N, C-alpha and C. Protein backbone atom coordinates (compact mmCIF):
# COMPACT_ATOMS: atom_id res chain seq x y z
N MET A 1 -42.23 18.87 12.70
CA MET A 1 -42.16 19.32 14.07
C MET A 1 -41.68 20.78 14.09
N THR A 2 -42.36 21.60 14.87
CA THR A 2 -41.99 23.01 14.99
C THR A 2 -41.19 23.20 16.26
N SER A 3 -40.09 23.90 16.14
CA SER A 3 -39.23 24.16 17.28
C SER A 3 -39.70 25.39 18.04
N ARG A 4 -39.41 25.38 19.31
CA ARG A 4 -39.68 26.54 20.14
C ARG A 4 -38.63 27.61 19.83
N VAL A 5 -39.07 28.85 19.76
CA VAL A 5 -38.18 29.97 19.47
C VAL A 5 -38.26 30.96 20.62
N VAL A 6 -37.10 31.36 21.11
CA VAL A 6 -37.03 32.42 22.12
C VAL A 6 -36.35 33.61 21.45
N LEU A 7 -37.07 34.70 21.35
CA LEU A 7 -36.54 35.90 20.72
C LEU A 7 -36.11 36.88 21.81
N VAL A 8 -34.81 37.11 21.90
CA VAL A 8 -34.27 38.08 22.84
C VAL A 8 -34.40 39.46 22.21
N CYS A 9 -35.02 40.38 22.93
CA CYS A 9 -35.30 41.72 22.43
C CYS A 9 -34.39 42.72 23.14
N PRO A 10 -33.20 43.00 22.60
CA PRO A 10 -32.26 43.86 23.29
C PRO A 10 -32.45 45.36 23.02
N GLU A 11 -32.86 45.73 21.84
CA GLU A 11 -33.00 47.16 21.53
C GLU A 11 -34.34 47.47 20.88
N PHE A 12 -35.25 46.54 21.01
CA PHE A 12 -36.63 46.72 20.58
C PHE A 12 -37.49 45.98 21.58
N THR A 13 -38.75 46.33 21.63
CA THR A 13 -39.64 45.71 22.62
C THR A 13 -40.30 44.46 22.06
N PRO A 14 -40.77 43.59 22.94
CA PRO A 14 -41.55 42.45 22.46
C PRO A 14 -42.77 42.87 21.66
N VAL A 15 -43.39 43.98 22.02
CA VAL A 15 -44.55 44.47 21.26
C VAL A 15 -44.14 44.80 19.83
N GLN A 16 -43.02 45.48 19.67
CA GLN A 16 -42.53 45.80 18.32
C GLN A 16 -42.25 44.52 17.54
N ALA A 17 -41.60 43.56 18.17
CA ALA A 17 -41.27 42.30 17.49
C ALA A 17 -42.53 41.58 17.04
N ARG A 18 -43.55 41.54 17.90
CA ARG A 18 -44.82 40.89 17.52
C ARG A 18 -45.45 41.60 16.32
N GLU A 19 -45.40 42.92 16.33
CA GLU A 19 -45.97 43.68 15.20
C GLU A 19 -45.23 43.35 13.91
N TRP A 20 -43.91 43.29 13.95
CA TRP A 20 -43.13 42.95 12.76
C TRP A 20 -43.50 41.57 12.24
N ILE A 21 -43.66 40.64 13.16
CA ILE A 21 -44.01 39.27 12.76
C ILE A 21 -45.40 39.24 12.14
N GLU A 22 -46.36 39.92 12.79
CA GLU A 22 -47.74 39.95 12.28
C GLU A 22 -47.83 40.60 10.91
N ARG A 23 -46.97 41.59 10.64
CA ARG A 23 -46.96 42.27 9.34
C ARG A 23 -46.22 41.49 8.27
N GLY A 24 -45.60 40.38 8.65
CA GLY A 24 -44.88 39.57 7.68
C GLY A 24 -43.46 40.03 7.44
N GLN A 25 -42.95 40.91 8.29
CA GLN A 25 -41.60 41.42 8.10
C GLN A 25 -40.52 40.44 8.57
N VAL A 26 -40.93 39.43 9.31
CA VAL A 26 -40.00 38.40 9.77
C VAL A 26 -40.63 37.04 9.44
N PRO A 27 -40.62 36.65 8.16
CA PRO A 27 -41.34 35.45 7.75
C PRO A 27 -40.85 34.18 8.44
N GLU A 28 -39.58 34.13 8.80
CA GLU A 28 -39.05 32.95 9.47
C GLU A 28 -39.76 32.72 10.81
N LEU A 29 -40.03 33.80 11.53
CA LEU A 29 -40.70 33.67 12.81
C LEU A 29 -42.21 33.51 12.66
N ALA A 30 -42.76 34.04 11.61
CA ALA A 30 -44.20 33.91 11.37
C ALA A 30 -44.59 32.45 11.20
N LYS A 31 -43.68 31.63 10.75
CA LYS A 31 -43.94 30.20 10.55
C LYS A 31 -43.96 29.43 11.87
N SER A 32 -43.34 29.97 12.89
CA SER A 32 -43.23 29.29 14.18
C SER A 32 -44.52 29.42 14.97
N LYS A 33 -44.92 28.33 15.57
CA LYS A 33 -46.14 28.32 16.37
C LYS A 33 -45.86 28.67 17.83
N ASP A 34 -44.61 28.51 18.26
CA ASP A 34 -44.25 28.70 19.66
C ASP A 34 -43.09 29.69 19.77
N VAL A 35 -43.43 30.98 19.83
CA VAL A 35 -42.43 32.03 19.96
C VAL A 35 -42.65 32.73 21.29
N SER A 36 -41.59 32.83 22.08
CA SER A 36 -41.66 33.62 23.30
C SER A 36 -40.67 34.76 23.18
N PHE A 37 -40.93 35.80 23.93
CA PHE A 37 -40.15 37.03 23.83
C PHE A 37 -39.55 37.35 25.19
N VAL A 38 -38.27 37.74 25.17
CA VAL A 38 -37.59 38.13 26.41
C VAL A 38 -37.02 39.53 26.20
N ASP A 39 -37.45 40.45 27.04
CA ASP A 39 -37.01 41.84 26.94
C ASP A 39 -35.75 42.04 27.77
N ILE A 40 -34.66 42.42 27.12
CA ILE A 40 -33.41 42.78 27.80
C ILE A 40 -33.06 44.19 27.33
N ASP A 41 -33.09 45.12 28.25
CA ASP A 41 -32.78 46.50 27.91
C ASP A 41 -31.27 46.68 27.90
N SER A 42 -30.65 46.36 26.76
CA SER A 42 -29.19 46.32 26.74
C SER A 42 -28.56 47.06 25.56
N GLY A 43 -29.35 47.41 24.58
CA GLY A 43 -28.75 47.95 23.37
C GLY A 43 -28.36 46.81 22.44
N HIS A 44 -27.59 47.14 21.44
CA HIS A 44 -27.29 46.22 20.35
C HIS A 44 -26.47 45.00 20.74
N TRP A 45 -25.61 45.10 21.72
CA TRP A 45 -24.70 44.01 22.06
C TRP A 45 -24.91 43.51 23.49
N PRO A 46 -25.96 42.74 23.77
CA PRO A 46 -26.19 42.28 25.14
C PRO A 46 -25.07 41.40 25.68
N MET A 47 -24.33 40.75 24.79
CA MET A 47 -23.23 39.91 25.25
C MET A 47 -22.07 40.74 25.80
N ILE A 48 -22.08 42.04 25.50
CA ILE A 48 -21.07 42.95 26.04
C ILE A 48 -21.63 43.73 27.23
N SER A 49 -22.82 44.28 27.06
CA SER A 49 -23.37 45.17 28.08
C SER A 49 -24.01 44.45 29.27
N VAL A 50 -24.64 43.31 29.05
CA VAL A 50 -25.27 42.56 30.15
C VAL A 50 -25.05 41.05 29.96
N PRO A 51 -23.80 40.60 29.96
CA PRO A 51 -23.52 39.20 29.66
C PRO A 51 -24.15 38.21 30.65
N ALA A 52 -24.18 38.55 31.92
CA ALA A 52 -24.76 37.63 32.90
C ALA A 52 -26.26 37.47 32.68
N GLU A 53 -26.95 38.57 32.39
CA GLU A 53 -28.39 38.51 32.12
C GLU A 53 -28.67 37.71 30.86
N LEU A 54 -27.91 37.93 29.82
CA LEU A 54 -28.08 37.18 28.58
C LEU A 54 -27.82 35.69 28.81
N ALA A 55 -26.79 35.37 29.56
CA ALA A 55 -26.48 33.97 29.86
C ALA A 55 -27.61 33.32 30.64
N ARG A 56 -28.20 34.05 31.59
CA ARG A 56 -29.32 33.53 32.36
C ARG A 56 -30.51 33.23 31.46
N VAL A 57 -30.82 34.16 30.56
CA VAL A 57 -31.95 33.99 29.63
C VAL A 57 -31.71 32.78 28.72
N LEU A 58 -30.52 32.65 28.19
CA LEU A 58 -30.22 31.54 27.28
C LEU A 58 -30.23 30.20 28.02
N ALA A 59 -29.71 30.18 29.24
CA ALA A 59 -29.72 28.95 30.04
C ALA A 59 -31.14 28.53 30.35
N LEU A 60 -31.98 29.47 30.71
CA LEU A 60 -33.38 29.17 31.00
C LEU A 60 -34.09 28.64 29.75
N ALA A 61 -33.83 29.25 28.61
CA ALA A 61 -34.45 28.79 27.36
C ALA A 61 -33.99 27.37 27.03
N ALA A 62 -32.72 27.08 27.26
CA ALA A 62 -32.20 25.74 26.97
C ALA A 62 -32.83 24.71 27.91
N GLU A 63 -33.02 25.06 29.17
CA GLU A 63 -33.65 24.15 30.13
C GLU A 63 -35.09 23.85 29.77
N GLU A 64 -35.78 24.83 29.22
CA GLU A 64 -37.20 24.69 28.90
C GLU A 64 -37.45 23.97 27.58
N SER A 65 -36.40 23.79 26.79
CA SER A 65 -36.62 23.15 25.48
C SER A 65 -36.45 21.66 25.55
């Protein structure tokens, strides 16, 4: 069984993340069949800079799984 993966993109774009996965730079994610991307413009520490937004994203991902 393959688990759903939600990739939070705080200092890179979903487009960049997809390119890295397609190039094989993130082999763990390349194995996943169900990867979704969430763009949060927060910098390196979203739990510090935008904690409410990060909590909302994580809660939504948990509800959908």
